[in-house]
Amino acid sequence: MTPLVLPAIATALLVTLGYAMLCAASPFGTCRRCGGLGFALKYDRRGNPKRGKTCRRCKGHGKRIRLGRHLFNLAHATWRAGTR
C-alpha cells in the first residue's frame, strides 16, 4: 500500500462522521434558492428591494432538509416497515 492511502481513508472517515453529526444536530439547513428568506427578492426601478413570490422549493419556510438526514429518514422508514 502506498503511504497516502491510510491518511486519505482517515480523512474521508472524519469528514463522513462530521457530516453525520451535523445532520443529527441540525437536520435542516437554509434554502439555497431563496437564501433562507422564504421568498424571492424583486427590485423596483429605483433599485429598492421588494418581496417577490413565495419560494417553491421550501414553500416559504426558508429551510430545507439536509441530504444526509433525508437518507437517514428513508433508511429508518424502511427498517421500521420491515420490522412490523
C-alpha atoms as a PDB file:
ATOM      1  CA  MET A   1       0.000   0.000   0.000  1.00  0.00           C
ATOM      2  CA  THR A   2       1.133   3.475  -0.678  1.00  0.00           C
ATOM      3  CA  PRO A   3       1.774   5.758   2.294  1.00  0.00           C
ATOM      4  CA  LEU A   4      -1.039   8.144   1.237  1.00  0.00           C
ATOM      5  CA  VAL A   5      -3.869   5.604   1.455  1.00  0.00           C
ATOM      6  CA  LEU A   6      -4.168   5.483   5.243  1.00  0.00           C
ATOM      7  CA  PRO A   7      -4.380   9.289   5.738  1.00  0.00           C
ATOM      8  CA  ALA A   8      -6.898   9.509   2.867  1.00  0.00           C
ATOM      9  CA  ILE A   9      -9.120   6.875   4.485  1.00  0.00           C
ATOM     10  CA  ALA A  10      -8.853   8.588   7.865  1.00  0.00           C
ATOM     11  CA  THR A  11      -9.743  11.957   6.342  1.00  0.00           C
ATOM     12  CA  ALA A  12     -12.741  10.519   4.483  1.00  0.00           C
ATOM     13  CA  LEU A  13     -13.949   8.826   7.676  1.00  0.00           C
ATOM     14  CA  LEU A  14     -13.538  12.041   9.674  1.00  0.00           C
ATOM     15  CA  VAL A  15     -15.472  14.091   7.096  1.00  0.00           C
ATOM     16  CA  THR A  16     -18.271  11.497   6.946  1.00  0.00           C
ATOM     17  CA  LEU A  17     -18.641  11.330  10.721  1.00  0.00           C
ATOM     18  CA  GLY A  18     -18.573  15.121  10.956  1.00  0.00           C
ATOM     19  CA  TYR A  19     -21.376  15.420   8.405  1.00  0.00           C
ATOM     20  CA  ALA A  20     -23.388  12.727  10.198  1.00  0.00           C
ATOM     21  CA  MET A  21     -23.064  14.661  13.473  1.00  0.00           C
ATOM     22  CA  LEU A  22     -24.109  17.878  11.691  1.00  0.00           C
ATOM     23  CA  CYS A  23     -27.206  16.154  10.262  1.00  0.00           C
ATOM     24  CA  ALA A  24     -28.095  14.785  13.697  1.00  0.00           C
ATOM     25  CA  ALA A  25     -27.624  18.110  15.480  1.00  0.00           C
ATOM     26  CA  SER A  26     -29.164  20.349  12.821  1.00  0.00           C
ATOM     27  CA  PRO A  27     -31.310  18.389  10.333  1.00  0.00           C
ATOM     28  CA  PHE A  28     -32.473  21.493   8.471  1.00  0.00           C
ATOM     29  CA  GLY A  29     -30.351  23.978   6.533  1.00  0.00           C
ATOM     30  CA  THR A  30     -31.209  27.223   4.794  1.00  0.00           C
ATOM     31  CA  CYS A  31     -32.828  27.027   1.379  1.00  0.00           C
ATOM     32  CA  ARG A  32     -30.270  27.603  -1.354  1.00  0.00           C
ATOM     33  CA  ARG A  33     -32.721  29.157  -3.776  1.00  0.00           C
ATOM     34  CA  CYS A  34     -34.123  31.929  -1.573  1.00  0.00           C
ATOM     35  CA  GLY A  35     -31.226  32.171   0.875  1.00  0.00           C
ATOM     36  CA  GLY A  36     -33.456  31.419   3.879  1.00  0.00           C
ATOM     37  CA  LEU A  37     -35.875  34.292   3.282  1.00  0.00           C
ATOM     38  CA  GLY A  38     -38.780  32.148   2.081  1.00  0.00           C
ATOM     39  CA  PHE A  39     -39.423  34.391  -0.905  1.00  0.00           C
ATOM     40  CA  ALA A  40     -37.620  35.828  -3.886  1.00  0.00           C
ATOM     41  CA  LEU A  41     -36.437  39.417  -3.807  1.00  0.00           C
ATOM     42  CA  LYS A  42     -37.631  41.692  -6.575  1.00  0.00           C
ATOM     43  CA  TYR A  43     -36.325  45.178  -7.196  1.00  0.00           C
ATOM     44  CA  ASP A  44     -38.306  48.172  -8.390  1.00  0.00           C
ATOM     45  CA  ARG A  45     -36.994  50.719 -10.892  1.00  0.00           C
ATOM     46  CA  ARG A  46     -35.178  52.650  -8.189  1.00  0.00           C
ATOM     47  CA  GLY A  47     -33.383  49.526  -7.004  1.00  0.00           C
ATOM     48  CA  ASN A  48     -35.288  49.155  -3.759  1.00  0.00           C
ATOM     49  CA  PRO A  49     -35.895  45.519  -2.775  1.00  0.00           C
ATOM     50  CA  LYS A  50     -39.479  44.272  -2.630  1.00  0.00           C
ATOM     51  CA  ARG A  51     -40.960  40.985  -1.564  1.00  0.00           C
ATOM     52  CA  GLY A  52     -41.490  38.659  -4.504  1.00  0.00           C
ATOM     53  CA  LYS A  53     -43.253  35.335  -4.842  1.00  0.00           C
ATOM     54  CA  THR A  54     -43.054  32.621  -2.193  1.00  0.00           C
ATOM     55  CA  CYS A  55     -40.201  30.199  -2.812  1.00  0.00           C
ATOM     56  CA  ARG A  56     -41.498  26.993  -4.382  1.00  0.00           C
ATOM     57  CA  ARG A  57     -38.581  24.905  -3.203  1.00  0.00           C
ATOM     58  CA  CYS A  58     -39.024  25.482   0.551  1.00  0.00           C
ATOM     59  CA  LYS A  59     -42.702  26.555   0.370  1.00  0.00           C
ATOM     60  CA  GLY A  60     -41.943  29.811   2.157  1.00  0.00           C
ATOM     61  CA  HIS A  61     -40.261  28.311   5.229  1.00  0.00           C
ATOM     62  CA  GLY A  62     -36.704  29.201   4.267  1.00  0.00           C
ATOM     63  CA  LYS A  63     -35.445  25.812   5.451  1.00  0.00           C
ATOM     64  CA  ARG A  64     -34.704  22.534   3.683  1.00  0.00           C
ATOM     65  CA  ILE A  65     -33.870  19.079   4.961  1.00  0.00           C
ATOM     66  CA  ARG A  66     -30.238  18.088   4.577  1.00  0.00           C
ATOM     67  CA  LEU A  67     -29.367  15.237   2.215  1.00  0.00           C
ATOM     68  CA  GLY A  68     -27.847  13.085   4.953  1.00  0.00           C
ATOM     69  CA  ARG A  69     -30.901  13.492   7.178  1.00  0.00           C
ATOM     70  CA  HIS A  70     -33.200  12.683   4.243  1.00  0.00           C
ATOM     71  CA  LEU A  71     -31.267   9.461   3.573  1.00  0.00           C
ATOM     72  CA  PHE A  72     -31.392   8.578   7.269  1.00  0.00           C
ATOM     73  CA  ASN A  73     -35.166   9.143   7.336  1.00  0.00           C
ATOM     74  CA  LEU A  74     -35.631   6.884   4.287  1.00  0.00           C
ATOM     75  CA  ALA A  75     -33.480   4.127   5.789  1.00  0.00           C
ATOM     76  CA  HIS A  76     -35.254   4.379   9.132  1.00  0.00           C
ATOM     77  CA  ALA A  77     -38.705   4.224   7.490  1.00  0.00           C
ATOM     78  CA  THR A  78     -37.625   1.143   5.514  1.00  0.00           C
ATOM     79  CA  TRP A  79     -36.302  -0.534   8.649  1.00  0.00           C
ATOM     80  CA  ARG A  80     -39.445   0.348  10.602  1.00  0.00           C
ATOM     81  CA  ALA A  81     -41.721  -1.020   7.855  1.00  0.00           C
ATOM     82  CA  GLY A  82     -39.695  -4.242   7.704  1.00  0.00           C
ATOM     83  CA  THR A  83     -39.855  -4.949  11.431  1.00  0.00           C
ATOM     84  CA  ARG A  84     -43.635  -4.697  11.801  1.00  0.00           C
END
